[in-house]
Every structure is written in structure tokens, then in C-alpha cells.
Amino acid sequence: MTGDKPSHIENIRLTVGAGTDRGLRRELNEDSFTTASPLFAVADGMGGHEAGEVASRICVETMTEYVRRHELGAAELQQLIADADRRIRAAAGSRAGTTVTGAALVEERGVPYWLVFNVGDSRTYRLNQGMLEQISVDHSEVQELLEAGRITAQEALVHPRRHVVTRALGTGDDSEPDFWMLPVEAGDRMLICSDGLTSEVSDEHIHAILSSTVRPQDAVQALIQAALCSGGRDNITAIVVDAADVAQDAAQAATAPRTEDEETDTLPRLEPGGSGPAGQQGQI
């Protein structure tokens, strides 16, 4: 950043929770994820015999290696997804593939945005002002049937081909990602997850958990537990990212009434940036 262009992205504090579970039916966990701030992504591997695990791992490793050394924007992310696609095809010979979805915190013209991306049927949601919205759009046969009006949303939940994806990295003819740009708002809660969660837990139940659970890591654990209780037929992975405005928090803290015992420093202590191991919550 140049000196005459102040960065507002530095005012955004992120608190992150993440976790993954093999589920109750699968022998292997073919999901992978990264919380290498400012990028948060989930990849759901396909192919079996460990091939899906390799594909999803290559995908998130490609992303993580890049964001640890470079700034990220829309053009860079598109190239990064293309690089992951090529690396998977080279390693697995089109025998394996992976979905990938997620959100990156980026800045455009001084404004912080969520850059949401998707290939396949893993999903990214945003909870904002009490409303849960699915941002990503599934690349699946069932989604195409829904858009054509040939089945209802209720029928889609039990359709026999509901797990057939029409886009993936590493395999097939179409690996083109979709992108969405959303201005970051204080109080945003992003959920990034594999279909092992959404195929077991309704959007209404997800909404209830995200709305009633304060800490992101607790929300992740509750979501995974809900999927396990519903059958856990697939691998389950979830990332929850909360966004807070540091400047807004400071203003509210400065004007809030204080008690005699209250410390003068009312701002939460910030931890160093970076990604933590699965199952741990951290502030960025």
C-alpha cells in the first residue's frame, strides 16, 4: 500500500473457527481446508482410494503457499485456482478431482470486500443482521434441475443425483470458478463448508446454530455434531469467520459507561495474524 492510500482492511478483525470430521460412513477424510488469512477455503476431494484426498490437499496447499508470500486479489485468485487445477491433473491424471469454495478478505479502492469463489457443490454462506444467505451457487445436476423448474427445493434434498457435480478442479471439462464481491460489514459471519454438512443439516438448522453460538469454534463444533447426529454419511468440514470493525469497537468502548473496576484498555487484545491448527479459534 502507498502512503497516500490508507488501508481500511486493517480495521477488520477476524475471529476464526475451523474443524473437519471423517463422518460415520467413510473410511477416509477426503476434505481439506485452509485458514491462511486472508484466505479461507474448503475443498472436498473426489475419486476414492486416497485420490480425492490428494486432489483436495493439492488445492489448499497451492492456495496456502501463495497467500503466505503475496497479496491476494481477484485476478490472483483466479490464476491460483487455475494453477491448482493444473497441479491436480498432473498429479492424478484426471483420475481425481475436488470442489473448492471460500472467501478472501480483499481491498478494492480502499473498501474491504469478501471475495467469494466456488467450483462445485461445497458452499459459502453469510449471516448478516440475522439473515442467512447462501452466496455460492452449486455446480451440480440438481441445481440445474432446480433452475429449470423441473424439481422443487424439497425434492432436491433427496434426489438420487444430488451429489453429481458439473464443475470440479482436476477432472472433467469445466473447472471455471464463479466469483462474488460483497462489501464487508461489521458483524458478518461467514460459513464455508463441504456438502457433508449441507446434505445432513438444513439451512434452517444451520441458521439456528450460527445465530445462537457466540464463538466461531463452538459454532463449528455444533455444526459438525449436528451433521453426525443426522447420519454423518460424508466427510464434514466447516470454517466460521467473524468480522468486527476495530475502529467501531474502539468508538463504542470509548463512549460506553465504565465501572470503577473496569480497566482503561477496553479493546480486545489482538493476536498475531496467520492460520492456526484445526480445532482452534484465533483472532486475526
Protein backbone atom coordinates (compact mmCIF):
# COMPACT_ATOMS: atom_id res chain seq x y z
CA MET A 1 0.00 0.00 0.00
CA THR A 2 1.23 3.52 -0.77
CA GLY A 3 1.32 6.17 1.88
CA ASP A 4 -1.43 8.32 0.30
CA LYS A 5 -3.91 5.41 0.12
CA PRO A 6 -4.86 4.38 3.66
CA SER A 7 -5.91 0.76 4.04
CA HIS A 8 -9.27 0.11 5.66
CA ILE A 9 -8.75 -3.63 5.60
CA GLU A 10 -6.50 -3.22 8.63
CA ASN A 11 -9.57 -2.09 10.60
CA ILE A 12 -11.21 -5.50 10.15
CA ARG A 13 -10.52 -8.03 12.90
CA LEU A 14 -11.30 -11.64 12.02
CA THR A 15 -12.03 -14.42 14.51
CA VAL A 16 -11.89 -17.89 13.01
CA GLY A 17 -13.02 -21.38 13.95
CA ALA A 18 -12.44 -24.49 11.82
CA GLY A 19 -12.81 -28.25 12.00
CA THR A 20 -13.24 -31.43 10.00
CA ASP A 21 -14.56 -34.92 10.70
CA ARG A 22 -14.37 -38.16 8.71
CA GLY A 23 -18.04 -38.83 9.41
CA LEU A 24 -19.63 -42.14 10.29
CA ARG A 25 -19.58 -43.94 6.93
CA ARG A 26 -16.38 -43.01 5.07
CA GLU A 27 -13.05 -44.76 5.60
CA LEU A 28 -11.01 -41.68 4.67
CA ASN A 29 -11.42 -37.95 5.08
CA GLU A 30 -11.05 -36.50 1.58
CA ASP A 31 -11.83 -32.93 2.72
CA SER A 32 -9.09 -30.34 3.16
CA PHE A 33 -9.23 -26.73 4.31
CA THR A 34 -7.09 -23.67 4.84
CA THR A 35 -7.41 -20.72 7.21
CA ALA A 36 -4.35 -18.90 5.90
CA SER A 37 -5.71 -15.39 6.41
CA PRO A 38 -6.87 -13.51 4.41
CA LEU A 39 -7.99 -16.66 2.57
CA PHE A 40 -10.41 -19.24 3.94
CA ALA A 41 -11.31 -22.25 1.79
CA VAL A 42 -12.74 -25.77 1.90
CA ALA A 43 -12.00 -28.44 -0.74
CA ASP A 44 -13.96 -31.70 -1.00
CA GLY A 45 -11.99 -34.36 -2.86
CA MET A 46 -13.50 -36.92 -5.23
CA GLY A 47 -12.04 -40.11 -6.63
CA GLY A 48 -11.67 -42.60 -3.81
CA HIS A 49 -8.64 -44.76 -2.98
CA GLU A 50 -6.95 -41.67 -1.48
CA ALA A 51 -7.05 -39.88 -4.84
CA GLY A 52 -9.69 -37.42 -3.64
CA GLU A 53 -7.61 -36.68 -0.58
CA VAL A 54 -4.63 -35.90 -2.80
CA ALA A 55 -6.69 -33.58 -5.02
CA SER A 56 -8.16 -31.56 -2.15
CA ARG A 57 -4.78 -31.35 -0.41
CA ILE A 58 -3.04 -30.08 -3.55
CA CYS A 59 -5.76 -27.47 -3.95
CA VAL A 60 -5.45 -25.97 -0.47
CA GLU A 61 -1.64 -26.28 -0.44
CA THR A 62 -1.43 -24.32 -3.70
CA MET A 63 -3.56 -21.56 -2.18
CA THR A 64 -1.82 -21.51 1.18
CA GLU A 65 1.69 -21.37 -0.30
CA TYR A 66 0.72 -18.33 -2.37
CA VAL A 67 -1.11 -16.24 0.23
CA ARG A 68 1.70 -16.64 2.74
CA ARG A 69 4.02 -14.76 0.37
CA HIS A 70 1.82 -12.47 -1.74
CA GLU A 71 -1.14 -10.11 -1.56
CA LEU A 72 -4.36 -11.51 -2.96
CA GLY A 73 -6.89 -10.00 -5.34
CA ALA A 74 -9.48 -11.26 -7.81
CA ALA A 75 -7.01 -11.77 -10.68
CA GLU A 76 -4.52 -13.54 -8.44
CA LEU A 77 -7.18 -15.82 -7.02
CA GLN A 78 -8.45 -16.79 -10.47
CA GLN A 79 -4.90 -17.67 -11.52
CA LEU A 80 -4.37 -19.57 -8.27
CA ILE A 81 -7.42 -21.77 -8.90
CA ALA A 82 -6.18 -22.45 -12.44
CA ASP A 83 -2.76 -23.41 -11.05
CA ALA A 84 -4.39 -25.81 -8.57
CA ASP A 85 -6.38 -27.40 -11.40
CA ARG A 86 -3.22 -28.00 -13.43
CA ARG A 87 -1.29 -29.39 -10.46
CA ILE A 88 -4.08 -31.85 -9.63
CA ARG A 89 -4.32 -33.07 -13.23
CA ALA A 90 -0.55 -33.53 -13.36
CA ALA A 91 -0.50 -35.49 -10.11
CA ALA A 92 -3.61 -37.62 -10.59
CA GLY A 93 -4.01 -37.84 -14.37
CA SER A 94 -7.65 -36.69 -14.24
CA ARG A 95 -8.50 -39.67 -12.01
CA ALA A 96 -9.33 -37.40 -9.11
CA GLY A 97 -10.90 -34.02 -8.59
CA THR A 98 -12.06 -31.64 -5.92
CA THR A 99 -14.60 -28.96 -5.30
CA VAL A 100 -13.41 -25.74 -3.68
CA THR A 101 -15.22 -22.79 -2.16
CA GLY A 102 -14.29 -20.00 0.17
CA ALA A 103 -13.86 -16.32 0.86
CA ALA A 104 -10.87 -13.99 0.82
CA LEU A 105 -10.69 -10.63 2.57
CA VAL A 106 -9.51 -8.20 -0.11
CA GLU A 107 -9.48 -4.45 -0.66
CA GLU A 108 -10.74 -2.61 -3.71
CA ARG A 109 -10.39 1.19 -3.92
CA GLY A 110 -9.90 1.38 -0.18
CA VAL A 111 -13.02 -0.68 0.65
CA PRO A 112 -12.81 -4.14 2.31
CA TYR A 113 -14.66 -6.88 0.44
CA TRP A 114 -15.34 -10.58 0.77
CA LEU A 115 -14.20 -12.17 -2.47
CA VAL A 116 -16.27 -15.37 -2.53
CA PHE A 117 -15.37 -18.11 -5.01
CA ASN A 118 -16.78 -21.51 -5.90
CA VAL A 119 -16.21 -24.57 -8.08
CA GLY A 120 -18.56 -27.50 -7.36
CA ASP A 121 -21.12 -28.04 -4.61
CA SER A 122 -19.32 -27.05 -1.43
CA ARG A 123 -20.88 -23.84 -0.13
CA THR A 124 -20.19 -20.40 1.29
CA TYR A 125 -22.86 -18.61 3.34
CA ARG A 126 -23.07 -15.22 5.05
CA LEU A 127 -25.02 -14.48 8.22
CA ASN A 128 -25.70 -10.75 8.39
CA GLN A 129 -28.20 -8.91 10.60
CA GLY A 130 -29.88 -12.19 11.47
CA MET A 131 -30.34 -13.32 7.85
CA LEU A 132 -28.52 -16.36 6.44
CA GLU A 133 -27.79 -16.22 2.71
CA GLN A 134 -26.12 -18.83 0.54
CA ILE A 135 -23.65 -16.81 -1.52
CA SER A 136 -22.21 -19.56 -3.72
CA VAL A 137 -24.33 -21.38 -6.29
CA ASP A 138 -23.88 -25.15 -6.58
CA HIS A 139 -22.42 -26.56 -9.76
CA SER A 140 -24.49 -29.74 -9.72
CA GLU A 141 -27.08 -31.59 -11.76
CA VAL A 142 -29.69 -30.98 -9.07
CA GLN A 143 -29.04 -27.21 -9.18
CA GLU A 144 -29.58 -27.25 -12.94
CA LEU A 145 -32.87 -29.13 -12.47
CA LEU A 146 -33.92 -26.58 -9.84
CA GLU A 147 -33.13 -23.63 -12.10
CA ALA A 148 -35.04 -25.27 -14.94
CA GLY A 149 -38.07 -25.68 -12.68
CA ARG A 150 -38.10 -29.46 -13.12
CA ILE A 151 -37.84 -30.23 -9.39
CA THR A 152 -38.65 -28.38 -6.17
CA ALA A 153 -36.19 -27.41 -3.44
CA GLN A 154 -37.68 -30.14 -1.26
CA GLU A 155 -37.22 -32.75 -3.98
CA ALA A 156 -33.62 -31.63 -4.46
CA LEU A 157 -32.79 -32.69 -0.89
CA VAL A 158 -33.48 -36.37 -1.68
CA HIS A 159 -32.78 -36.51 -5.42
CA PRO A 160 -30.69 -39.61 -6.33
CA ARG A 161 -28.20 -37.47 -8.30
CA ARG A 162 -27.87 -34.70 -5.74
CA HIS A 163 -24.13 -35.37 -5.30
CA VAL A 164 -23.23 -35.24 -9.01
CA VAL A 165 -21.20 -32.08 -9.68
CA THR A 166 -20.89 -30.38 -13.04
CA ARG A 167 -17.66 -28.49 -12.31
CA ALA A 168 -14.56 -29.56 -10.42
CA LEU A 169 -10.84 -28.96 -10.30
CA GLY A 170 -8.60 -31.69 -11.66
CA THR A 171 -11.18 -33.59 -13.68
CA GLY A 172 -13.87 -33.03 -16.30
CA ASP A 173 -14.13 -30.32 -18.93
CA ASP A 174 -15.22 -27.39 -16.75
CA SER A 175 -13.19 -26.04 -13.84
CA GLU A 176 -14.12 -22.37 -14.19
CA PRO A 177 -14.82 -20.68 -10.83
CA ASP A 178 -17.64 -18.27 -10.08
CA PHE A 179 -16.87 -15.10 -8.08
CA TRP A 180 -18.88 -12.68 -5.95
CA MET A 181 -17.74 -9.41 -4.32
CA LEU A 182 -19.50 -8.42 -1.08
CA PRO A 183 -18.63 -5.33 0.97
CA VAL A 184 -17.54 -6.41 4.45
CA GLU A 185 -19.90 -5.33 7.21
CA ALA A 186 -19.12 -5.39 10.92
CA GLY A 187 -20.93 -8.37 12.39
CA ASP A 188 -20.58 -10.53 9.27
CA ARG A 189 -20.32 -14.25 9.97
CA MET A 190 -19.12 -16.36 7.03
CA LEU A 191 -19.63 -20.12 6.86
CA ILE A 192 -17.56 -22.17 4.41
CA CYS A 193 -18.37 -25.87 4.33
CA SER A 194 -18.34 -29.13 2.39
CA ASP A 195 -21.57 -30.81 1.33
CA GLY A 196 -21.10 -33.31 4.14
CA LEU A 197 -22.65 -30.59 6.31
CA THR A 198 -25.35 -29.26 4.00
CA SER A 199 -26.56 -32.70 2.91
CA GLU A 200 -27.26 -33.59 6.54
CA VAL A 201 -28.27 -30.28 8.14
CA SER A 202 -30.96 -27.96 6.79
CA ASP A 203 -30.32 -24.26 6.19
CA GLU A 204 -32.80 -23.53 8.98
CA HIS A 205 -30.82 -25.62 11.46
CA ILE A 206 -27.54 -24.07 10.28
CA HIS A 207 -29.09 -20.63 10.77
CA ALA A 208 -30.17 -21.52 14.29
CA ILE A 209 -26.69 -22.72 15.26
CA LEU A 210 -24.87 -19.76 13.74
CA SER A 211 -27.30 -17.29 15.30
CA SER A 212 -27.16 -18.73 18.81
CA THR A 213 -23.48 -19.66 19.22
CA VAL A 214 -21.10 -16.83 20.07
CA ARG A 215 -17.63 -18.28 19.49
CA PRO A 216 -16.80 -19.41 15.93
CA GLN A 217 -15.07 -22.59 17.14
CA ASP A 218 -18.10 -23.54 19.22
CA ALA A 219 -20.30 -22.94 16.16
CA VAL A 220 -18.08 -25.22 14.05
CA GLN A 221 -18.23 -27.99 16.61
CA ALA A 222 -22.02 -27.66 16.90
CA LEU A 223 -22.43 -27.83 13.11
CA ILE A 224 -20.26 -30.93 12.81
CA GLN A 225 -22.09 -32.59 15.69
CA ALA A 226 -25.45 -31.82 14.04
CA ALA A 227 -24.27 -33.48 10.82
CA LEU A 228 -23.06 -36.54 12.73
CA CYS A 229 -26.37 -36.80 14.57
CA SER A 230 -28.19 -36.70 11.22
CA GLY A 231 -26.22 -39.64 9.86
CA GLY A 232 -22.74 -38.36 9.06
CA ARG A 233 -22.71 -40.12 5.69
CA ASP A 234 -19.92 -37.99 4.25
CA ASN A 235 -16.84 -36.11 5.42
CA ILE A 236 -17.81 -32.90 7.22
CA THR A 237 -15.75 -29.70 7.18
CA ALA A 238 -16.67 -26.20 8.30
CA ILE A 239 -14.97 -22.83 8.74
CA VAL A 240 -16.69 -19.95 10.54
CA VAL A 241 -15.19 -16.44 10.20
CA ASP A 242 -16.46 -13.45 12.17
CA ALA A 243 -15.64 -9.89 11.09
CA ALA A 244 -15.51 -6.97 13.52
CA ASP A 245 -14.68 -3.32 12.88
CA VAL A 246 -11.82 -2.36 15.21
CA ALA A 247 -12.43 1.38 14.82
CA GLN A 248 -16.15 0.93 15.54
CA ASP A 249 -15.37 -1.20 18.58
CA ALA A 250 -12.95 1.45 19.82
CA ALA A 251 -15.57 4.19 19.43
CA GLN A 252 -18.18 2.15 21.27
CA ALA A 253 -15.72 1.30 24.03
CA ALA A 254 -14.72 4.95 24.42
CA THR A 255 -18.33 6.07 24.87
CA ALA A 256 -19.53 3.16 26.98
CA PRO A 257 -20.09 3.84 30.71
CA ARG A 258 -17.33 2.44 32.90
CA THR A 259 -17.44 0.89 36.31
CA GLU A 260 -14.86 1.65 38.97
CA ASP A 261 -13.25 -1.76 38.49
CA GLU A 262 -13.04 -1.58 34.70
CA GLU A 263 -9.58 -1.44 33.14
CA THR A 264 -8.73 1.58 30.99
CA ASP A 265 -7.85 -0.62 27.98
CA THR A 266 -11.27 -1.73 26.72
CA LEU A 267 -10.17 -3.07 23.33
CA PRO A 268 -9.65 -6.81 22.96
CA ARG A 269 -6.00 -7.80 22.68
CA LEU A 270 -5.16 -8.79 19.10
CA GLU A 271 -3.23 -11.98 18.45
CA PRO A 272 -0.66 -12.26 15.65
CA GLY A 273 -2.12 -12.90 12.20
CA GLY A 274 -1.97 -16.25 10.48
CA SER A 275 -3.68 -19.58 10.43
CA GLY A 276 -3.95 -21.92 13.38
CA PRO A 277 -4.35 -25.67 13.55
CA ALA A 278 -7.76 -27.25 13.06
CA GLY A 279 -9.96 -27.17 16.11
CA GLN A 280 -8.52 -23.95 17.46
CA GLN A 281 -10.02 -20.49 17.40
CA GLY A 282 -7.92 -17.42 16.84
CA GLN A 283 -8.20 -13.72 16.24
CA ILE A 284 -6.55 -12.14 13.22
